[in-house]
Amino acid sequence: MSIPVPLDELEAQLEAYPWGYLITVSDTQRAHSLAVPTKFVDGVLIADAGRATRSFAEARPNVTMAFPSPTPGEYSLIVDGDASIDGDTVHVRPTSAVLHRPALPN
């Protein structure tokens, strides 16, 4: 079950998620995940990242950030965005966001 999150409401939604995963794609086309604290500044998610993560994001800037629910059974937040590199950080400008949880069994 997914609920779209308007981008102008994303900052408020992020307050419930203290950390998440920055997901990039490696040179071998495998998913690469990095746990990062939530940092949202002027409409951009910012993550300190190592050389490999920065390289992957620069080569393939369509990235995802996944913020797991802090409470089991509640919604996780998934944000797609366009990455750019600034020094040792990856900046992700969100393009879409959804709250998501598995459908409840009937």
PDB file of N, CA and C in Angstrom:
ATOM      1  N   MET A   1       0.853  -1.160   0.000  1.00  0.00           N
ATOM      2  CA  MET A   1       0.000   0.000   0.000  1.00  0.00           C
ATOM      3  C   MET A   1       0.906   1.232   0.000  1.00  0.00           C
ATOM      4  N   SER A   2       0.674   2.128  -0.935  1.00  0.00           N
ATOM      5  CA  SER A   2       1.478   3.334  -1.053  1.00  0.00           C
ATOM      6  C   SER A   2       0.603   4.577  -1.018  1.00  0.00           C
ATOM      7  N   ILE A   3       1.134   5.617  -0.392  1.00  0.00           N
ATOM      8  CA  ILE A   3       0.472   6.913  -0.330  1.00  0.00           C
ATOM      9  C   ILE A   3       1.456   7.948  -0.871  1.00  0.00           C
ATOM     10  N   PRO A   4       1.135   8.603  -1.983  1.00  0.00           N
ATOM     11  CA  PRO A   4       2.037   9.631  -2.509  1.00  0.00           C
ATOM     12  C   PRO A   4       2.239  10.756  -1.479  1.00  0.00           C
ATOM     13  N   VAL A   5       3.443  11.278  -1.443  1.00  0.00           N
ATOM     14  CA  VAL A   5       3.772  12.402  -0.568  1.00  0.00           C
ATOM     15  C   VAL A   5       4.100  13.597  -1.469  1.00  0.00           C
ATOM     16  N   PRO A   6       3.310  14.659  -1.421  1.00  0.00           N
ATOM     17  CA  PRO A   6       3.662  15.856  -2.190  1.00  0.00           C
ATOM     18  C   PRO A   6       5.031  16.380  -1.723  1.00  0.00           C
ATOM     19  N   LEU A   7       5.843  16.791  -2.675  1.00  0.00           N
ATOM     20  CA  LEU A   7       7.196  17.216  -2.318  1.00  0.00           C
ATOM     21  C   LEU A   7       7.212  18.405  -1.374  1.00  0.00           C
ATOM     22  N   ASP A   8       6.177  19.255  -1.424  1.00  0.00           N
ATOM     23  CA  ASP A   8       6.153  20.384  -0.495  1.00  0.00           C
ATOM     24  C   ASP A   8       5.820  19.940   0.937  1.00  0.00           C
ATOM     25  N   GLU A   9       5.455  18.673   1.133  1.00  0.00           N
ATOM     26  CA  GLU A   9       5.197  18.132   2.466  1.00  0.00           C
ATOM     27  C   GLU A   9       6.298  17.181   2.938  1.00  0.00           C
ATOM     28  N   LEU A  10       7.315  16.989   2.103  1.00  0.00           N
ATOM     29  CA  LEU A  10       8.359  16.012   2.412  1.00  0.00           C
ATOM     30  C   LEU A  10       9.138  16.359   3.677  1.00  0.00           C
ATOM     31  N   GLU A  11       9.494  17.602   3.852  1.00  0.00           N
ATOM     32  CA  GLU A  11      10.266  17.985   5.044  1.00  0.00           C
ATOM     33  C   GLU A  11       9.521  17.611   6.326  1.00  0.00           C
ATOM     34  N   ALA A  12       8.237  17.865   6.379  1.00  0.00           N
ATOM     35  CA  ALA A  12       7.439  17.509   7.561  1.00  0.00           C
ATOM     36  C   ALA A  12       7.398  15.997   7.751  1.00  0.00           C
ATOM     37  N   GLN A  13       7.263  15.239   6.670  1.00  0.00           N
ATOM     38  CA  GLN A  13       7.242  13.775   6.769  1.00  0.00           C
ATOM     39  C   GLN A  13       8.574  13.236   7.281  1.00  0.00           C
ATOM     40  N   LEU A  14       9.682  13.836   6.859  1.00  0.00           N
ATOM     41  CA  LEU A  14      11.018  13.363   7.245  1.00  0.00           C
ATOM     42  C   LEU A  14      11.287  13.495   8.739  1.00  0.00           C
ATOM     43  N   GLU A  15      10.568  14.360   9.428  1.00  0.00           N
ATOM     44  CA  GLU A  15      10.799  14.545  10.861  1.00  0.00           C
ATOM     45  C   GLU A  15      10.615  13.258  11.649  1.00  0.00           C
ATOM     46  N   ALA A  16       9.821  12.329  11.145  1.00  0.00           N
ATOM     47  CA  ALA A  16       9.569  11.063  11.843  1.00  0.00           C
ATOM     48  C   ALA A  16      10.635  10.006  11.563  1.00  0.00           C
ATOM     49  N   TYR A  17      11.588  10.310  10.691  1.00  0.00           N
ATOM     50  CA  TYR A  17      12.587   9.323  10.264  1.00  0.00           C
ATOM     51  C   TYR A  17      13.996   9.852  10.556  1.00  0.00           C
ATOM     52  N   PRO A  18      14.633   9.380  11.625  1.00  0.00           N
ATOM     53  CA  PRO A  18      15.945   9.914  12.007  1.00  0.00           C
ATOM     54  C   PRO A  18      17.093   9.464  11.101  1.00  0.00           C
ATOM     55  N   TRP A  19      16.888   8.406  10.339  1.00  0.00           N
ATOM     56  CA  TRP A  19      17.946   7.930   9.442  1.00  0.00           C
ATOM     57  C   TRP A  19      17.321   7.138   8.305  1.00  0.00           C
ATOM     58  N   GLY A  20      18.128   6.910   7.270  1.00  0.00           N
ATOM     59  CA  GLY A  20      17.657   6.143   6.125  1.00  0.00           C
ATOM     60  C   GLY A  20      18.825   5.548   5.363  1.00  0.00           C
ATOM     61  N   TYR A  21      18.525   5.009   4.202  1.00  0.00           N
ATOM     62  CA  TYR A  21      19.541   4.422   3.328  1.00  0.00           C
ATOM     63  C   TYR A  21      19.577   5.198   2.018  1.00  0.00           C
ATOM     64  N   LEU A  22      20.785   5.553   1.594  1.00  0.00           N
ATOM     65  CA  LEU A  22      21.002   6.091   0.262  1.00  0.00           C
ATOM     66  C   LEU A  22      21.331   4.895  -0.618  1.00  0.00           C
ATOM     67  N   ILE A  23      20.535   4.677  -1.660  1.00  0.00           N
ATOM     68  CA  ILE A  23      20.719   3.516  -2.527  1.00  0.00           C
ATOM     69  C   ILE A  23      21.171   3.999  -3.898  1.00  0.00           C
ATOM     70  N   THR A  24      22.360   3.543  -4.272  1.00  0.00           N
ATOM     71  CA  THR A  24      22.938   3.868  -5.573  1.00  0.00           C
ATOM     72  C   THR A  24      23.139   2.550  -6.323  1.00  0.00           C
ATOM     73  N   VAL A  25      23.624   2.640  -7.555  1.00  0.00           N
ATOM     74  CA  VAL A  25      23.914   1.448  -8.355  1.00  0.00           C
ATOM     75  C   VAL A  25      25.402   1.450  -8.671  1.00  0.00           C
ATOM     76  N   SER A  26      26.066   0.326  -8.363  1.00  0.00           N
ATOM     77  CA  SER A  26      27.518   0.219  -8.553  1.00  0.00           C
ATOM     78  C   SER A  26      27.874   0.045 -10.026  1.00  0.00           C
ATOM     79  N   ASP A  27      29.167   0.036 -10.292  1.00  0.00           N
ATOM     80  CA  ASP A  27      29.660  -0.159 -11.653  1.00  0.00           C
ATOM     81  C   ASP A  27      29.281  -1.525 -12.212  1.00  0.00           C
ATOM     82  N   THR A  28      29.040  -2.500 -11.333  1.00  0.00           N
ATOM     83  CA  THR A  28      28.639  -3.841 -11.776  1.00  0.00           C
ATOM     84  C   THR A  28      27.120  -3.998 -11.785  1.00  0.00           C
ATOM     85  N   GLN A  29      26.406  -2.864 -11.696  1.00  0.00           N
ATOM     86  CA  GLN A  29      24.941  -2.824 -11.742  1.00  0.00           C
ATOM     87  C   GLN A  29      24.279  -3.483 -10.537  1.00  0.00           C
ATOM     88  N   ARG A  30      24.961  -3.508  -9.407  1.00  0.00           N
ATOM     89  CA  ARG A  30      24.382  -4.026  -8.165  1.00  0.00           C
ATOM     90  C   ARG A  30      23.987  -2.854  -7.282  1.00  0.00           C
ATOM     91  N   ALA A  31      22.944  -3.054  -6.496  1.00  0.00           N
ATOM     92  CA  ALA A  31      22.524  -2.013  -5.558  1.00  0.00           C
ATOM     93  C   ALA A  31      23.583  -1.851  -4.481  1.00  0.00           C
ATOM     94  N   HIS A  32      23.818  -0.608  -4.100  1.00  0.00           N
ATOM     95  CA  HIS A  32      24.784  -0.263  -3.057  1.00  0.00           C
ATOM     96  C   HIS A  32      24.046   0.629  -2.061  1.00  0.00           C
ATOM     97  N   SER A  33      24.008   0.213  -0.801  1.00  0.00           N
ATOM     98  CA  SER A  33      23.269   0.962   0.227  1.00  0.00           C
ATOM     99  C   SER A  33      24.219   1.547   1.256  1.00  0.00           C
ATOM    100  N   LEU A  34      23.904   2.737   1.704  1.00  0.00           N
ATOM    101  CA  LEU A  34      24.687   3.423   2.728  1.00  0.00           C
ATOM    102  C   LEU A  34      23.718   4.004   3.753  1.00  0.00           C
ATOM    103  N   ALA A  35      23.860   3.605   5.018  1.00  0.00           N
ATOM    104  CA  ALA A  35      23.023   4.161   6.084  1.00  0.00           C
ATOM    105  C   ALA A  35      23.492   5.580   6.383  1.00  0.00           C
ATOM    106  N   VAL A  36      22.543   6.511   6.422  1.00  0.00           N
ATOM    107  CA  VAL A  36      22.871   7.925   6.651  1.00  0.00           C
ATOM    108  C   VAL A  36      21.816   8.560   7.552  1.00  0.00           C
ATOM    109  N   PRO A  37      22.232   9.531   8.378  1.00  0.00           N
ATOM    110  CA  PRO A  37      21.226  10.282   9.140  1.00  0.00           C
ATOM    111  C   PRO A  37      20.423  11.166   8.200  1.00  0.00           C
ATOM    112  N   THR A  38      19.201  11.467   8.589  1.00  0.00           N
ATOM    113  CA  THR A  38      18.340  12.321   7.780  1.00  0.00           C
ATOM    114  C   THR A  38      18.803  13.770   7.913  1.00  0.00           C
ATOM    115  N   LYS A  39      19.095  14.379   6.780  1.00  0.00           N
ATOM    116  CA  LYS A  39      19.506  15.777   6.753  1.00  0.00           C
ATOM    117  C   LYS A  39      18.844  16.406   5.529  1.00  0.00           C
ATOM    118  N   PHE A  40      17.918  17.339   5.764  1.00  0.00           N
ATOM    119  CA  PHE A  40      17.145  17.962   4.691  1.00  0.00           C
ATOM    120  C   PHE A  40      17.342  19.467   4.788  1.00  0.00           C
ATOM    121  N   VAL A  41      17.977  20.051   3.780  1.00  0.00           N
ATOM    122  CA  VAL A  41      18.301  21.472   3.798  1.00  0.00           C
ATOM    123  C   VAL A  41      17.854  22.103   2.481  1.00  0.00           C
ATOM    124  N   ASP A  42      17.004  23.106   2.575  1.00  0.00           N
ATOM    125  CA  ASP A  42      16.552  23.845   1.385  1.00  0.00           C
ATOM    126  C   ASP A  42      16.041  22.921   0.286  1.00  0.00           C
ATOM    127  N   GLY A  43      15.249  21.915   0.651  1.00  0.00           N
ATOM    128  CA  GLY A  43      14.642  21.033  -0.324  1.00  0.00           C
ATOM    129  C   GLY A  43      15.535  19.938  -0.862  1.00  0.00           C
ATOM    130  N   VAL A  44      16.709  19.746  -0.239  1.00  0.00           N
ATOM    131  CA  VAL A  44      17.658  18.744  -0.711  1.00  0.00           C
ATOM    132  C   VAL A  44      18.056  17.835   0.444  1.00  0.00           C
ATOM    133  N   LEU A  45      18.060  16.518   0.191  1.00  0.00           N
ATOM    134  CA  LEU A  45      18.586  15.556   1.163  1.00  0.00           C
ATOM    135  C   LEU A  45      20.095  15.515   0.997  1.00  0.00           C
ATOM    136  N   ILE A  46      20.817  15.553   2.108  1.00  0.00           N
ATOM    137  CA  ILE A  46      22.279  15.607   2.068  1.00  0.00           C
ATOM    138  C   ILE A  46      22.834  14.441   2.861  1.00  0.00           C
ATOM    139  N   ALA A  47      23.784  13.709   2.248  1.00  0.00           N
ATOM    140  CA  ALA A  47      24.387  12.552   2.907  1.00  0.00           C
ATOM    141  C   ALA A  47      25.899  12.597   2.753  1.00  0.00           C
ATOM    142  N   ASP A  48      26.617  12.502   3.882  1.00  0.00           N
ATOM    143  CA  ASP A  48      28.059  12.315   3.818  1.00  0.00           C
ATOM    144  C   ASP A  48      28.294  10.928   3.239  1.00  0.00           C
ATOM    145  N   ALA A  49      29.225  10.817   2.303  1.00  0.00           N
ATOM    146  CA  ALA A  49      29.419   9.533   1.629  1.00  0.00           C
ATOM    147  C   ALA A  49      30.878   9.331   1.268  1.00  0.00           C
ATOM    148  N   GLY A  50      31.266   8.071   1.217  1.00  0.00           N
ATOM    149  CA  GLY A  50      32.621   7.710   0.828  1.00  0.00           C
ATOM    150  C   GLY A  50      32.822   7.801  -0.675  1.00  0.00           C
ATOM    151  N   ARG A  51      34.041   7.552  -1.080  1.00  0.00           N
ATOM    152  CA  ARG A  51      34.428   7.679  -2.483  1.00  0.00           C
ATOM    153  C   ARG A  51      33.571   6.808  -3.405  1.00  0.00           C
ATOM    154  N   ALA A  52      33.336   5.542  -3.027  1.00  0.00           N
ATOM    155  CA  ALA A  52      32.580   4.634  -3.895  1.00  0.00           C
ATOM    156  C   ALA A  52      31.150   5.125  -4.087  1.00  0.00           C
ATOM    157  N   THR A  53      30.473   5.474  -2.999  1.00  0.00           N
ATOM    158  CA  THR A  53      29.093   5.948  -3.105  1.00  0.00           C
ATOM    159  C   THR A  53      29.018   7.211  -3.952  1.00  0.00           C
ATOM    160  N   ARG A  54      29.938   8.131  -3.732  1.00  0.00           N
ATOM    161  CA  ARG A  54      29.943   9.362  -4.535  1.00  0.00           C
ATOM    162  C   ARG A  54      30.157   9.045  -6.011  1.00  0.00           C
ATOM    163  N   SER A  55      31.064   8.119  -6.297  1.00  0.00           N
ATOM    164  CA  SER A  55      31.346   7.731  -7.678  1.00  0.00           C
ATOM    165  C   SER A  55      30.118   7.111  -8.337  1.00  0.00           C
ATOM    166  N   PHE A  56      29.437   6.222  -7.622  1.00  0.00           N
ATOM    167  CA  PHE A  56      28.241   5.581  -8.170  1.00  0.00           C
ATOM    168  C   PHE A  56      27.152   6.616  -8.440  1.00  0.00           C
ATOM    169  N   ALA A  57      26.945   7.533  -7.502  1.00  0.00           N
ATOM    170  CA  ALA A  57      25.906   8.549  -7.652  1.00  0.00           C
ATOM    171  C   ALA A  57      26.224   9.508  -8.796  1.00  0.00           C
ATOM    172  N   GLU A  58      27.489   9.792  -8.977  1.00  0.00           N
ATOM    173  CA  GLU A  58      27.875  10.681 -10.068  1.00  0.00           C
ATOM    174  C   GLU A  58      27.658  10.000 -11.429  1.00  0.00           C
ATOM    175  N   ALA A  59      27.992   8.710 -11.507  1.00  0.00           N
ATOM    176  CA  ALA A  59      27.843   7.980 -12.767  1.00  0.00           C
ATOM    177  C   ALA A  59      26.383   7.684 -13.093  1.00  0.00           C
ATOM    178  N   ARG A  60      25.573   7.423 -12.064  1.00  0.00           N
ATOM    179  CA  ARG A  60      24.158   7.089 -12.235  1.00  0.00           C
ATOM    180  C   ARG A  60      23.367   7.904 -11.210  1.00  0.00           C
ATOM    181  N   PRO A  61      23.023   9.141 -11.563  1.00  0.00           N
ATOM    182  CA  PRO A  61      22.445  10.077 -10.584  1.00  0.00           C
ATOM    183  C   PRO A  61      21.002   9.811 -10.170  1.00  0.00           C
ATOM    184  N   ASN A  62      20.318   8.874 -10.815  1.00  0.00           N
ATOM    185  CA  ASN A  62      18.965   8.523 -10.359  1.00  0.00           C
ATOM    186  C   ASN A  62      19.108   7.602  -9.160  1.00  0.00           C
ATOM    187  N   VAL A  63      18.830   8.129  -7.963  1.00  0.00           N
ATOM    188  CA  VAL A  63      19.035   7.371  -6.728  1.00  0.00           C
ATOM    189  C   VAL A  63      17.729   7.287  -5.948  1.00  0.00           C
ATOM    190  N   THR A  64      17.751   6.443  -4.935  1.00  0.00           N
ATOM    191  CA  THR A  64      16.617   6.289  -4.033  1.00  0.00           C
ATOM    192  C   THR A  64      17.109   6.414  -2.607  1.00  0.00           C
ATOM    193  N   MET A  65      16.292   7.020  -1.772  1.00  0.00           N
ATOM    194  CA  MET A  65      16.551   7.014  -0.337  1.00  0.00           C
ATOM    195  C   MET A  65      15.362   6.340   0.322  1.00  0.00           C
ATOM    196  N   ALA A  66      15.649   5.366   1.172  1.00  0.00           N
ATOM    197  CA  ALA A  66      14.607   4.612   1.867  1.00  0.00           C
ATOM    198  C   ALA A  66      14.748   4.855   3.362  1.00  0.00           C
ATOM    199  N   PHE A  67      13.677   5.282   3.985  1.00  0.00           N
ATOM    200  CA  PHE A  67      13.647   5.576   5.415  1.00  0.00           C
ATOM    201  C   PHE A  67      12.718   4.569   6.080  1.00  0.00           C
ATOM    202  N   PRO A  68      13.292   3.554   6.746  1.00  0.00           N
ATOM    203  CA  PRO A  68      12.450   2.526   7.362  1.00  0.00           C
ATOM    204  C   PRO A  68      11.591   3.091   8.479  1.00  0.00           C
ATOM    205  N   SER A  69      10.456   2.458   8.651  1.00  0.00           N
ATOM    206  CA  SER A  69       9.566   2.860   9.730  1.00  0.00           C
ATOM    207  C   SER A  69      10.246   2.652  11.068  1.00  0.00           C
ATOM    208  N   PRO A  70      10.215   3.662  11.947  1.00  0.00           N
ATOM    209  CA  PRO A  70      10.779   3.475  13.284  1.00  0.00           C
ATOM    210  C   PRO A  70       9.927   2.548  14.149  1.00  0.00           C
ATOM    211  N   THR A  71       8.687   2.287  13.713  1.00  0.00           N
ATOM    212  CA  THR A  71       7.767   1.428  14.448  1.00  0.00           C
ATOM    213  C   THR A  71       7.310   0.301  13.527  1.00  0.00           C
ATOM    214  N   PRO A  72       7.466  -0.967  13.939  1.00  0.00           N
ATOM    215  CA  PRO A  72       7.023  -2.070  13.083  1.00  0.00           C
ATOM    216  C   PRO A  72       5.553  -1.919  12.689  1.00  0.00           C
ATOM    217  N   GLY A  73       5.276  -2.223  11.423  1.00  0.00           N
ATOM    218  CA  GLY A  73       3.911  -2.154  10.926  1.00  0.00           C
ATOM    219  C   GLY A  73       3.484  -0.800  10.410  1.00  0.00           C
ATOM    220  N   GLU A  74       4.294   0.215  10.637  1.00  0.00           N
ATOM    221  CA  GLU A  74       3.969   1.561  10.156  1.00  0.00           C
ATOM    222  C   GLU A  74       4.596   1.793   8.783  1.00  0.00           C
ATOM    223  N   TYR A  75       4.332   2.934   8.209  1.00  0.00           N
ATOM    224  CA  TYR A  75       4.823   3.253   6.877  1.00  0.00           C
ATOM    225  C   TYR A  75       6.311   3.595   6.873  1.00  0.00           C
ATOM    226  N   SER A  76       6.996   3.100   5.845  1.00  0.00           N
ATOM    227  CA  SER A  76       8.343   3.545   5.518  1.00  0.00           C
ATOM    228  C   SER A  76       8.196   4.647   4.472  1.00  0.00           C
ATOM    229  N   LEU A  77       9.215   5.485   4.351  1.00  0.00           N
ATOM    230  CA  LEU A  77       9.210   6.580   3.384  1.00  0.00           C
ATOM    231  C   LEU A  77      10.252   6.274   2.322  1.00  0.00           C
ATOM    232  N   ILE A  78       9.845   6.329   1.063  1.00  0.00           N
ATOM    233  CA  ILE A  78      10.752   6.072  -0.052  1.00  0.00           C
ATOM    234  C   ILE A  78      10.784   7.325  -0.921  1.00  0.00           C
ATOM    235  N   VAL A  79      12.001   7.811  -1.178  1.00  0.00           N
ATOM    236  CA  VAL A  79      12.177   9.050  -1.940  1.00  0.00           C
ATOM    237  C   VAL A  79      13.092   8.767  -3.128  1.00  0.00           C
ATOM    238  N   ASP A  80      12.630   9.056  -4.330  1.00  0.00           N
ATOM    239  CA  ASP A  80      13.468   9.000  -5.527  1.00  0.00           C
ATOM    240  C   ASP A  80      13.966  10.404  -5.795  1.00  0.00           C
ATOM    241  N   GLY A  81      15.173  10.487  -6.367  1.00  0.00           N
ATOM    242  CA  GLY A  81      15.699  11.810  -6.647  1.00  0.00           C
ATOM    243  C   GLY A  81      16.893  11.803  -7.571  1.00  0.00           C
ATOM    244  N   ASP A  82      17.345  12.998  -7.882  1.00  0.00           N
ATOM    245  CA  ASP A  82      18.503  13.220  -8.734  1.00  0.00           C
ATOM    246  C   ASP A  82      19.676  13.650  -7.866  1.00  0.00           C
ATOM    247  N   ALA A  83      20.772  12.900  -7.967  1.00  0.00           N
ATOM    248  CA  ALA A  83      21.943  13.143  -7.119  1.00  0.00           C
ATOM    249  C   ALA A  83      22.954  14.047  -7.814  1.00  0.00           C
ATOM    250  N   SER A  84      23.636  14.812  -6.989  1.00  0.00           N
ATOM    251  CA  SER A  84      24.807  15.567  -7.427  1.00  0.00           C
ATOM    252  C   SER A  84      25.825  15.480  -6.293  1.00  0.00           C
ATOM    253  N   ILE A  85      27.068  15.714  -6.622  1.00  0.00           N
ATOM    254  CA  ILE A  85      28.152  15.588  -5.650  1.00  0.00           C
ATOM    255  C   ILE A  85      28.664  16.967  -5.289  1.00  0.00           C
ATOM    256  N   ASP A  86      28.899  17.180  -3.999  1.00  0.00           N
ATOM    257  CA  ASP A  86      29.483  18.426  -3.509  1.00  0.00           C
ATOM    258  C   ASP A  86      30.516  18.044  -2.453  1.00  0.00           C
ATOM    259  N   GLY A  87      31.778  18.000  -2.841  1.00  0.00           N
ATOM    260  CA  GLY A  87      32.834  17.587  -1.904  1.00  0.00           C
ATOM    261  C   GLY A  87      32.628  16.144  -1.474  1.00  0.00           C
ATOM    262  N   ASP A  88      32.497  15.932  -0.170  1.00  0.00           N
ATOM    263  CA  ASP A  88      32.307  14.586   0.379  1.00  0.00           C
ATOM    264  C   ASP A  88      30.843  14.241   0.608  1.00  0.00           C
ATOM    265  N   THR A  89      29.950  14.999   0.000  1.00  0.00           N
ATOM    266  CA  THR A  89      28.525  14.748   0.221  1.00  0.00           C
ATOM    267  C   THR A  89      27.799  14.465  -1.093  1.00  0.00           C
ATOM    268  N   VAL A  90      26.722  13.714  -0.952  1.00  0.00           N
ATOM    269  CA  VAL A  90      25.800  13.500  -2.056  1.00  0.00           C
ATOM    270  C   VAL A  90      24.555  14.323  -1.747  1.00  0.00           C
ATOM    271  N   HIS A  91      24.150  15.144  -2.687  1.00  0.00           N
ATOM    272  CA  HIS A  91      22.930  15.941  -2.559  1.00  0.00           C
ATOM    273  C   HIS A  91      21.867  15.294  -3.428  1.00  0.00           C
ATOM    274  N   VAL A  92      20.703  15.025  -2.849  1.00  0.00           N
ATOM    275  CA  VAL A  92      19.617  14.389  -3.581  1.00  0.00           C
ATOM    276  C   VAL A  92      18.434  15.347  -3.631  1.00  0.00           C
ATOM    277  N   ARG A  93      18.116  15.776  -4.844  1.00  0.00           N
ATOM    278  CA  ARG A  93      16.938  16.626  -5.051  1.00  0.00           C
ATOM    279  C   ARG A  93      15.765  15.692  -5.336  1.00  0.00           C
ATOM    280  N   PRO A  94      14.792  15.616  -4.411  1.00  0.00           N
ATOM    281  CA  PRO A  94      13.676  14.683  -4.576  1.00  0.00           C
ATOM    282  C   PRO A  94      12.858  14.962  -5.835  1.00  0.00           C
ATOM    283  N   THR A  95      12.455  13.868  -6.495  1.00  0.00           N
ATOM    284  CA  THR A  95      11.565  13.962  -7.646  1.00  0.00           C
ATOM    285  C   THR A  95      10.207  13.321  -7.349  1.00  0.00           C
ATOM    286  N   SER A  96      10.173  12.389  -6.400  1.00  0.00           N
ATOM    287  CA  SER A  96       8.910  11.787  -5.969  1.00  0.00           C
ATOM    288  C   SER A  96       9.128  11.131  -4.613  1.00  0.00           C
ATOM    289  N   ALA A  97       8.023  10.942  -3.890  1.00  0.00           N
ATOM    290  CA  ALA A  97       8.105  10.315  -2.566  1.00  0.00           C
ATOM    291  C   ALA A  97       6.785   9.599  -2.273  1.00  0.00           C
ATOM    292  N   VAL A  98       6.897   8.472  -1.577  1.00  0.00           N
ATOM    293  CA  VAL A  98       5.713   7.732  -1.155  1.00  0.00           C
ATOM    294  C   VAL A  98       5.929   7.185   0.252  1.00  0.00           C
ATOM    295  N   LEU A  99       4.836   7.096   0.984  1.00  0.00           N
ATOM    296  CA  LEU A  99       4.816   6.322   2.212  1.00  0.00           C
ATOM    297  C   LEU A  99       4.368   4.927   1.801  1.00  0.00           C
ATOM    298  N   HIS A 100       5.059   3.904   2.278  1.00  0.00           N
ATOM    299  CA  HIS A 100       4.775   2.551   1.822  1.00  0.00           C
ATOM    300  C   HIS A 100       4.799   1.562   2.978  1.00  0.00           C
ATOM    301  N   ARG A 101       3.880   0.632   2.943  1.00  0.00           N
ATOM    302  CA  ARG A 101       3.899  -0.504   3.860  1.00  0.00           C
ATOM    303  C   ARG A 101       3.248  -1.674   3.144  1.00  0.00           C
ATOM    304  N   PRO A 102       3.583  -2.888   3.574  1.00  0.00           N
ATOM    305  CA  PRO A 102       2.930  -4.049   2.957  1.00  0.00           C
ATOM    306  C   PRO A 102       1.429  -3.995   3.204  1.00  0.00           C
ATOM    307  N   ALA A 103       0.680  -4.498   2.262  1.00  0.00           N
ATOM    308  CA  ALA A 103      -0.775  -4.568   2.423  1.00  0.00           C
ATOM    309  C   ALA A 103      -1.091  -5.489   3.595  1.00  0.00           C
ATOM    310  N   LEU A 104      -2.103  -5.144   4.338  1.00  0.00           N
ATOM    311  CA  LEU A 104      -2.523  -5.984   5.471  1.00  0.00           C
ATOM    312  C   LEU A 104      -3.211  -7.233   4.930  1.00  0.00           C
ATOM    313  N   PRO A 105      -2.974  -8.391   5.563  1.00  0.00           N
ATOM    314  CA  PRO A 105      -3.646  -9.604   5.082  1.00  0.00           C
ATOM    315  C   PRO A 105      -5.163  -9.508   5.274  1.00  0.00           C
ATOM    316  N   ASN A 106      -5.884 -10.144   4.378  1.00  0.00           N
ATOM    317  CA  ASN A 106      -7.365 -10.122   4.454  1.00  0.00           C
ATOM    318  C   ASN A 106      -7.864 -11.023   5.546  1.00  0.00           C
TER     319      ASN A 106
END
